[in-house]
Amino acid sequence: MTEQIPITEQERAVLLLAAEGYTNQQISRHLGISERAAARRLGEFTDRHGLRGRTHAVAYALRNRLIEPVEPDDG
């Protein structure tokens, strides 16, 4: 049995957009939250899991299937 990794829906949304290369400002606009809230969600996730930053958080989330890889747009 695999251990459940805690993640909120807002953390998941922020990580998905970060994986697509969005800045905190772009994430905040897309989700309708403040830029500070976007940064805080990412920071809370990295702190809780002992990660070293945005890139490490995205890699961790992908590796642990907390988010799905984004398919490139062929258009």
N, C-alpha and C. Protein backbone atom coordinates (compact mmCIF):
# COMPACT_ATOMS: atom_id res chain seq x y z
N MET A 1 0.85 -1.19 0.00
CA MET A 1 0.00 0.00 0.00
C MET A 1 0.89 1.24 0.00
N THR A 2 0.57 2.21 -0.85
CA THR A 2 1.35 3.44 -0.93
C THR A 2 0.79 4.46 0.06
N GLU A 3 1.70 5.26 0.59
CA GLU A 3 1.31 6.30 1.54
C GLU A 3 0.71 7.49 0.80
N GLN A 4 -0.38 8.00 1.31
CA GLN A 4 -1.04 9.18 0.73
C GLN A 4 -0.22 10.43 1.04
N ILE A 5 0.11 11.22 0.02
CA ILE A 5 0.84 12.47 0.21
C ILE A 5 -0.18 13.59 0.28
N PRO A 6 -0.18 14.34 1.40
CA PRO A 6 -1.18 15.40 1.54
C PRO A 6 -0.93 16.57 0.58
N ILE A 7 -1.99 16.98 -0.09
CA ILE A 7 -1.92 18.14 -0.99
C ILE A 7 -3.32 18.73 -1.08
N THR A 8 -3.39 20.04 -0.99
CA THR A 8 -4.69 20.69 -1.12
C THR A 8 -4.99 20.90 -2.61
N GLU A 9 -6.25 21.14 -2.92
CA GLU A 9 -6.61 21.39 -4.31
C GLU A 9 -5.95 22.67 -4.83
N GLN A 10 -5.82 23.68 -3.96
CA GLN A 10 -5.18 24.91 -4.41
C GLN A 10 -3.68 24.70 -4.63
N GLU A 11 -3.02 23.90 -3.79
CA GLU A 11 -1.62 23.57 -4.02
C GLU A 11 -1.46 22.83 -5.34
N ARG A 12 -2.37 21.90 -5.60
CA ARG A 12 -2.32 21.14 -6.86
C ARG A 12 -2.47 22.08 -8.06
N ALA A 13 -3.41 23.01 -7.98
CA ALA A 13 -3.63 23.97 -9.07
C ALA A 13 -2.39 24.83 -9.29
N VAL A 14 -1.78 25.30 -8.20
CA VAL A 14 -0.57 26.13 -8.30
C VAL A 14 0.57 25.32 -8.91
N LEU A 15 0.74 24.08 -8.46
CA LEU A 15 1.81 23.23 -9.00
C LEU A 15 1.61 22.93 -10.48
N LEU A 16 0.36 22.68 -10.88
CA LEU A 16 0.08 22.44 -12.31
C LEU A 16 0.50 23.63 -13.16
N LEU A 17 0.16 24.83 -12.71
CA LEU A 17 0.51 26.03 -13.47
C LEU A 17 2.01 26.30 -13.41
N ALA A 18 2.63 26.04 -12.26
CA ALA A 18 4.08 26.20 -12.15
C ALA A 18 4.79 25.24 -13.11
N ALA A 19 4.24 24.04 -13.25
CA ALA A 19 4.81 23.05 -14.17
C ALA A 19 4.74 23.53 -15.62
N GLU A 20 3.77 24.38 -15.90
CA GLU A 20 3.63 24.94 -17.25
C GLU A 20 4.48 26.19 -17.43
N GLY A 21 5.20 26.60 -16.38
CA GLY A 21 6.09 27.74 -16.49
C GLY A 21 5.49 29.07 -16.07
N TYR A 22 4.30 29.04 -15.47
CA TYR A 22 3.66 30.28 -15.02
C TYR A 22 4.43 30.89 -13.86
N THR A 23 4.50 32.20 -13.83
CA THR A 23 5.06 32.92 -12.69
C THR A 23 3.98 33.01 -11.60
N ASN A 24 4.38 33.42 -10.40
CA ASN A 24 3.38 33.59 -9.33
C ASN A 24 2.32 34.61 -9.74
N GLN A 25 2.74 35.66 -10.43
CA GLN A 25 1.79 36.68 -10.88
C GLN A 25 0.79 36.07 -11.87
N GLN A 26 1.26 35.28 -12.81
CA GLN A 26 0.37 34.64 -13.78
C GLN A 26 -0.56 33.63 -13.11
N ILE A 27 -0.01 32.88 -12.15
CA ILE A 27 -0.81 31.91 -11.39
C ILE A 27 -1.93 32.64 -10.65
N SER A 28 -1.58 33.75 -10.02
CA SER A 28 -2.58 34.50 -9.24
C SER A 28 -3.71 34.98 -10.13
N ARG A 29 -3.37 35.49 -11.31
CA ARG A 29 -4.41 35.95 -12.24
C ARG A 29 -5.29 34.79 -12.71
N HIS A 30 -4.65 33.68 -13.03
CA HIS A 30 -5.37 32.53 -13.56
C HIS A 30 -6.32 31.94 -12.52
N LEU A 31 -5.90 31.90 -11.26
CA LEU A 31 -6.71 31.29 -10.20
C LEU A 31 -7.58 32.28 -9.44
N GLY A 32 -7.38 33.57 -9.70
CA GLY A 32 -8.17 34.57 -9.00
C GLY A 32 -7.79 34.71 -7.54
N ILE A 33 -6.50 34.52 -7.24
CA ILE A 33 -5.99 34.69 -5.89
C ILE A 33 -4.88 35.73 -5.93
N SER A 34 -4.43 36.18 -4.79
CA SER A 34 -3.34 37.17 -4.79
C SER A 34 -2.02 36.49 -5.15
N GLU A 35 -1.09 37.29 -5.61
CA GLU A 35 0.24 36.78 -5.93
C GLU A 35 0.89 36.20 -4.67
N ARG A 36 0.66 36.87 -3.56
CA ARG A 36 1.21 36.41 -2.28
C ARG A 36 0.62 35.04 -1.91
N ALA A 37 -0.68 34.86 -2.16
CA ALA A 37 -1.32 33.57 -1.86
C ALA A 37 -0.74 32.47 -2.74
N ALA A 38 -0.48 32.76 -4.00
CA ALA A 38 0.11 31.78 -4.90
C ALA A 38 1.49 31.36 -4.39
N ALA A 39 2.29 32.32 -4.01
CA ALA A 39 3.63 32.03 -3.48
C ALA A 39 3.53 31.26 -2.17
N ARG A 40 2.58 31.62 -1.33
CA ARG A 40 2.40 30.96 -0.04
C ARG A 40 2.00 29.50 -0.22
N ARG A 41 1.09 29.22 -1.15
CA ARG A 41 0.68 27.82 -1.40
C ARG A 41 1.88 26.97 -1.82
N LEU A 42 2.68 27.51 -2.71
CA LEU A 42 3.86 26.79 -3.15
C LEU A 42 4.85 26.62 -2.00
N GLY A 43 5.04 27.67 -1.22
CA GLY A 43 5.96 27.62 -0.08
C GLY A 43 5.52 26.63 0.98
N GLU A 44 4.22 26.59 1.26
CA GLU A 44 3.70 25.65 2.25
C GLU A 44 3.95 24.21 1.80
N PHE A 45 3.75 23.96 0.51
CA PHE A 45 3.98 22.62 -0.03
C PHE A 45 5.45 22.25 0.07
N THR A 46 6.34 23.14 -0.35
CA THR A 46 7.78 22.84 -0.31
C THR A 46 8.26 22.65 1.12
N ASP A 47 7.80 23.49 2.03
CA ASP A 47 8.20 23.37 3.44
C ASP A 47 7.73 22.04 4.04
N ARG A 48 6.48 21.70 3.80
CA ARG A 48 5.89 20.49 4.38
C ARG A 48 6.61 19.22 3.91
N HIS A 49 7.14 19.26 2.70
CA HIS A 49 7.78 18.07 2.13
C HIS A 49 9.31 18.17 2.09
N GLY A 50 9.87 19.22 2.69
CA GLY A 50 11.33 19.36 2.75
C GLY A 50 11.98 19.56 1.39
N LEU A 51 11.31 20.30 0.53
CA LEU A 51 11.81 20.53 -0.83
C LEU A 51 12.57 21.85 -0.90
N ARG A 52 13.36 22.03 -1.97
CA ARG A 52 14.25 23.18 -2.07
C ARG A 52 13.75 24.32 -2.94
N GLY A 53 12.57 24.26 -3.44
CA GLY A 53 12.07 25.36 -4.25
C GLY A 53 11.07 24.91 -5.29
N ARG A 54 10.74 25.84 -6.15
CA ARG A 54 9.70 25.65 -7.16
C ARG A 54 9.96 24.46 -8.08
N THR A 55 11.15 24.38 -8.64
CA THR A 55 11.48 23.30 -9.57
C THR A 55 11.45 21.95 -8.86
N HIS A 56 12.02 21.91 -7.66
CA HIS A 56 12.02 20.67 -6.88
C HIS A 56 10.58 20.27 -6.52
N ALA A 57 9.74 21.24 -6.20
CA ALA A 57 8.34 20.96 -5.86
C ALA A 57 7.60 20.37 -7.06
N VAL A 58 7.80 20.94 -8.24
CA VAL A 58 7.14 20.43 -9.44
C VAL A 58 7.64 19.02 -9.75
N ALA A 59 8.96 18.81 -9.67
CA ALA A 59 9.51 17.48 -9.93
C ALA A 59 8.96 16.45 -8.94
N TYR A 60 8.89 16.82 -7.67
CA TYR A 60 8.35 15.94 -6.63
C TYR A 60 6.89 15.61 -6.91
N ALA A 61 6.11 16.62 -7.27
CA ALA A 61 4.69 16.41 -7.55
C ALA A 61 4.50 15.49 -8.76
N LEU A 62 5.31 15.67 -9.79
CA LEU A 62 5.22 14.80 -10.97
C LEU A 62 5.64 13.38 -10.63
N ARG A 63 6.77 13.24 -9.93
CA ARG A 63 7.30 11.92 -9.59
C ARG A 63 6.31 11.13 -8.72
N ASN A 64 5.61 11.83 -7.84
CA ASN A 64 4.68 11.18 -6.94
C ASN A 64 3.23 11.19 -7.46
N ARG A 65 3.08 11.57 -8.72
CA ARG A 65 1.79 11.57 -9.42
C ARG A 65 0.73 12.40 -8.71
N LEU A 66 1.18 13.51 -8.12
CA LEU A 66 0.25 14.46 -7.53
C LEU A 66 -0.33 15.37 -8.60
N ILE A 67 0.43 15.54 -9.69
CA ILE A 67 -0.03 16.24 -10.88
C ILE A 67 0.37 15.41 -12.09
N GLU A 68 -0.32 15.59 -13.17
CA GLU A 68 -0.02 14.87 -14.41
C GLU A 68 0.83 15.74 -15.31
N PRO A 69 1.76 15.13 -16.06
CA PRO A 69 2.55 15.91 -17.01
C PRO A 69 1.65 16.61 -18.02
N VAL A 70 2.04 17.79 -18.41
CA VAL A 70 1.30 18.58 -19.37
C VAL A 70 1.76 18.18 -20.77
N GLU A 71 0.80 17.85 -21.62
CA GLU A 71 1.11 17.48 -23.01
C GLU A 71 1.39 18.75 -23.80
N PRO A 72 2.44 18.76 -24.62
CA PRO A 72 2.71 19.94 -25.45
C PRO A 72 1.59 20.19 -26.44
N ASP A 73 1.36 21.46 -26.73
CA ASP A 73 0.35 21.84 -27.70
C ASP A 73 0.97 21.78 -29.08
N ASP A 74 0.39 21.00 -29.97
CA ASP A 74 0.93 20.84 -31.33
C ASP A 74 0.57 22.00 -32.24
N GLY A 75 -0.28 22.90 -31.75
CA GLY A 75 -0.77 24.00 -32.57
C GLY A 75 0.17 25.08 -32.64
